[in-house]
Amino acid sequence: MSKARIALATGNADKVHELSRLLSDYEVTAAPEGFDPEETGTTLFQNALIKAEALRPDVDPDTIVVADDSGLCVHALGGRPGVFSSRYAGPDATYSDNCLRLMEELEGVEMRGAAFVAVLVGLLPGGGSVVGCGVCAGNITPAMRGEGGFGYDPVFQPLGDDRTMAQLTTDEKAAISHRGRAARRLASALVSV
């Protein structure tokens, strides 16, 4: 029996790679090159839904469309960068640009608690939807450490570990990350529909 199909509504190659591993029970494909709908939502859920709905007309009706929106919420910054995490240092910011801006804003701040949050929305064939959410609590480090991962991983140290997300192995990260938790919840919801 062939695997059910998922189309990922993202133009971010790093998210495609990570979600393909996390949803390996499915045949996963990426959105077409250049897929980049305007994210006008004020919440992670709204932006994930915008992306999923934007891709839905372009894929086979039997395919599940899955979109992710995720963000880093820093307590000392009132939850910022949050929904604006990917463009925190500007519309064309690199991962490094965003990390550097965050470290600059937190210079001299002792309380550096933060949480990665991910929301995955799955649009089902024939209508209906499922949602998976995941959170990973931690702290922002004063300097970037590690070569793995992407985004804010080099400055995010998960609770209970002395390494940043960028220093974890792929499997270690998948076990505790916000996206890993959200993907497992989404997969569980998909099995039950």
Protein backbone atom coordinates (compact mmCIF):
# COMPACT_ATOMS: atom_id res chain seq x y z
CA MET A 1 0.00 0.00 0.00
CA SER A 2 1.39 3.40 -0.94
CA LYS A 3 1.94 6.15 1.60
CA ALA A 4 -0.52 9.01 1.92
CA ARG A 5 0.81 12.21 0.37
CA ILE A 6 1.64 15.50 2.07
CA ALA A 7 2.51 18.71 0.25
CA LEU A 8 4.41 21.18 2.43
CA ALA A 9 3.25 24.76 2.01
CA THR A 10 6.62 26.39 2.54
CA GLY A 11 9.37 27.84 0.43
CA ASN A 12 11.92 27.33 3.23
CA ALA A 13 14.25 24.47 2.23
CA ASP A 14 15.36 23.96 5.84
CA LYS A 15 11.76 23.44 6.99
CA VAL A 16 11.12 21.06 4.08
CA HIS A 17 14.15 18.98 5.07
CA GLU A 18 13.20 18.90 8.75
CA LEU A 19 9.48 18.21 8.21
CA SER A 20 10.20 15.50 5.61
CA ARG A 21 12.14 13.60 8.29
CA LEU A 22 9.51 14.25 10.96
CA LEU A 23 6.65 13.11 8.69
CA SER A 24 8.49 10.15 7.17
CA ASP A 25 5.39 7.93 7.31
CA TYR A 26 4.08 10.04 4.42
CA GLU A 27 5.23 10.75 0.88
CA VAL A 28 6.28 14.38 1.34
CA THR A 29 6.73 16.94 -1.43
CA ALA A 30 7.61 20.61 -1.28
CA ALA A 31 5.69 23.58 -2.62
CA PRO A 32 6.73 24.77 -6.09
CA GLU A 33 9.80 26.98 -6.30
CA GLY A 34 8.95 30.59 -5.56
CA PHE A 35 6.00 29.71 -3.28
CA ASP A 36 5.86 32.62 -0.85
CA PRO A 37 2.36 33.87 0.04
CA GLU A 38 2.15 37.07 2.04
CA GLU A 39 1.83 36.26 5.73
CA THR A 40 -0.65 38.84 6.97
CA GLY A 41 -1.79 37.00 10.08
CA THR A 42 -1.15 38.20 13.61
CA THR A 43 -0.76 34.67 15.01
CA LEU A 44 1.25 31.61 14.04
CA PHE A 45 -1.98 29.70 13.39
CA GLN A 46 -3.31 32.39 11.04
CA ASN A 47 -0.07 32.45 9.02
CA ALA A 48 0.08 28.65 8.80
CA LEU A 49 -3.52 28.60 7.55
CA ILE A 50 -2.79 31.34 4.98
CA LYS A 51 0.08 29.26 3.57
CA ALA A 52 -1.90 26.01 3.54
CA GLU A 53 -4.88 27.63 1.80
CA ALA A 54 -2.58 29.29 -0.76
CA LEU A 55 -1.12 25.91 -1.81
CA ARG A 56 -4.36 23.85 -1.67
CA PRO A 57 -5.57 24.74 -5.24
CA ASP A 58 -2.18 23.79 -6.73
CA VAL A 59 -1.95 20.20 -5.48
CA ASP A 60 -3.76 16.96 -6.18
CA PRO A 61 -7.11 16.83 -4.33
CA ASP A 62 -6.04 13.57 -2.59
CA THR A 63 -3.00 15.25 -1.04
CA ILE A 64 -2.89 16.60 2.51
CA VAL A 65 -1.52 20.15 2.56
CA VAL A 66 0.60 20.94 5.62
CA ALA A 67 1.87 24.39 6.53
CA ASP A 68 4.09 25.41 9.40
CA ASP A 69 4.48 28.74 11.07
CA SER A 70 6.82 29.01 13.97
CA GLY A 71 8.47 31.63 16.05
CA LEU A 72 10.74 32.42 18.94
CA CYS A 73 9.03 34.13 21.86
CA VAL A 74 11.43 35.89 24.26
CA HIS A 75 9.91 36.76 27.62
CA ALA A 76 12.05 39.88 28.26
CA LEU A 77 10.94 41.25 24.88
CA GLY A 78 7.23 40.80 25.53
CA GLY A 79 7.07 37.75 23.26
CA ARG A 80 9.01 39.24 20.35
CA PRO A 81 10.11 38.35 17.75
CA GLY A 82 7.19 35.88 17.75
CA VAL A 83 5.21 35.90 14.51
CA PHE A 84 7.90 38.13 12.94
CA SER A 85 10.81 35.78 13.76
CA SER A 86 11.90 35.09 10.17
CA ARG A 87 12.07 38.78 9.29
CA TYR A 88 13.08 40.22 12.66
CA ALA A 89 16.15 42.02 11.32
CA GLY A 90 14.37 43.08 8.11
CA PRO A 91 12.57 41.57 5.12
CA ASP A 92 15.74 40.06 3.61
CA ALA A 93 17.41 39.11 6.89
CA THR A 94 19.59 36.02 7.12
CA TYR A 95 19.45 33.62 10.05
CA SER A 96 22.64 35.23 11.35
CA ASP A 97 21.17 38.75 11.02
CA ASN A 98 18.18 37.75 13.13
CA CYS A 99 20.35 36.12 15.81
CA LEU A 100 22.61 39.16 16.01
CA ARG A 101 19.66 41.55 16.35
CA LEU A 102 18.23 39.39 19.13
CA MET A 103 21.54 39.27 21.01
CA GLU A 104 21.90 43.06 20.67
CA GLU A 105 18.42 43.60 22.12
CA LEU A 106 19.18 41.30 25.04
CA GLU A 107 22.59 42.79 25.84
CA GLY A 108 22.76 43.33 29.60
CA VAL A 109 19.49 41.45 30.20
CA GLU A 110 19.85 38.70 32.80
CA MET A 111 16.45 37.02 32.43
CA ARG A 112 16.78 35.36 29.01
CA GLY A 113 13.91 32.87 29.08
CA ALA A 114 12.32 32.03 25.74
CA ALA A 115 10.26 29.43 23.94
CA PHE A 116 10.18 28.13 20.41
CA VAL A 117 6.56 27.65 19.28
CA ALA A 118 5.34 25.84 16.16
CA VAL A 119 1.87 25.46 14.69
CA LEU A 120 1.24 22.97 11.87
CA VAL A 121 -2.04 23.11 9.97
CA GLY A 122 -3.08 20.19 7.79
CA LEU A 123 -5.82 20.65 5.18
CA LEU A 124 -7.42 17.30 4.43
CA PRO A 125 -8.61 16.01 1.06
CA GLY A 126 -12.29 16.80 0.71
CA GLY A 127 -12.27 19.47 3.42
CA GLY A 128 -11.58 19.57 7.11
CA SER A 129 -8.36 20.31 8.91
CA VAL A 130 -6.13 19.18 11.76
CA VAL A 131 -3.68 21.18 13.86
CA GLY A 132 -0.55 20.21 15.75
CA CYS A 133 1.20 22.59 18.14
CA GLY A 134 4.53 22.26 19.88
CA VAL A 135 6.58 24.29 22.36
CA CYS A 136 10.20 24.01 23.48
CA ALA A 137 11.25 26.14 26.46
CA GLY A 138 14.77 27.40 26.95
CA ASN A 139 17.06 30.41 27.22
CA ILE A 140 18.83 32.73 24.81
CA THR A 141 22.61 32.40 24.97
CA PRO A 142 24.91 35.46 24.93
CA ALA A 143 26.76 34.15 21.84
CA MET A 144 26.03 31.89 18.89
CA ARG A 145 27.22 28.29 19.33
CA GLY A 146 27.01 25.32 16.97
CA GLU A 147 26.82 24.68 13.25
CA GLY A 148 23.66 22.57 12.97
CA GLY A 149 20.02 23.48 12.67
CA PHE A 150 18.82 26.79 11.30
CA GLY A 151 17.10 29.99 12.32
CA TYR A 152 17.68 30.85 15.98
CA ASP A 153 19.10 27.41 16.86
CA PRO A 154 22.63 28.77 17.56
CA VAL A 155 21.32 31.08 20.32
CA PHE A 156 18.61 28.86 21.84
CA GLN A 157 19.58 26.55 24.71
CA PRO A 158 16.74 24.16 25.58
CA LEU A 159 15.97 23.68 29.27
CA GLY A 160 17.88 20.78 30.77
CA ASP A 161 20.76 20.92 28.28
CA ASP A 162 23.99 22.91 28.20
CA ARG A 163 24.09 22.89 24.39
CA THR A 164 22.23 25.07 21.91
CA MET A 165 19.81 23.56 19.42
CA ALA A 166 22.55 24.03 16.80
CA GLN A 167 24.82 21.70 18.80
CA LEU A 168 22.31 18.84 19.05
CA THR A 169 22.22 15.94 16.63
CA THR A 170 19.32 15.86 14.19
CA ASP A 171 17.62 13.10 16.20
CA GLU A 172 18.18 14.88 19.54
CA LYS A 173 16.66 18.05 18.12
CA ALA A 174 13.68 16.20 16.62
CA ALA A 175 12.91 14.61 20.00
CA ILE A 176 12.55 17.91 21.87
CA SER A 177 12.01 20.66 19.31
CA HIS A 178 8.83 22.67 18.90
CA ARG A 179 8.49 21.47 15.30
CA GLY A 180 9.14 17.84 16.27
CA ARG A 181 6.43 17.99 18.92
CA ALA A 182 3.99 19.72 16.56
CA ALA A 183 4.68 17.18 13.79
CA ARG A 184 4.05 14.22 16.12
CA ARG A 185 0.77 15.78 17.28
CA LEU A 186 -0.27 16.49 13.69
CA ALA A 187 0.60 12.92 12.61
CA SER A 188 -1.42 11.55 15.53
CA ALA A 189 -4.39 13.73 14.54
CA LEU A 190 -4.11 12.58 10.91
CA VAL A 191 -4.25 8.91 11.96
CA SER A 192 -7.49 9.53 13.86
CA VAL A 193 -9.41 11.20 10.98
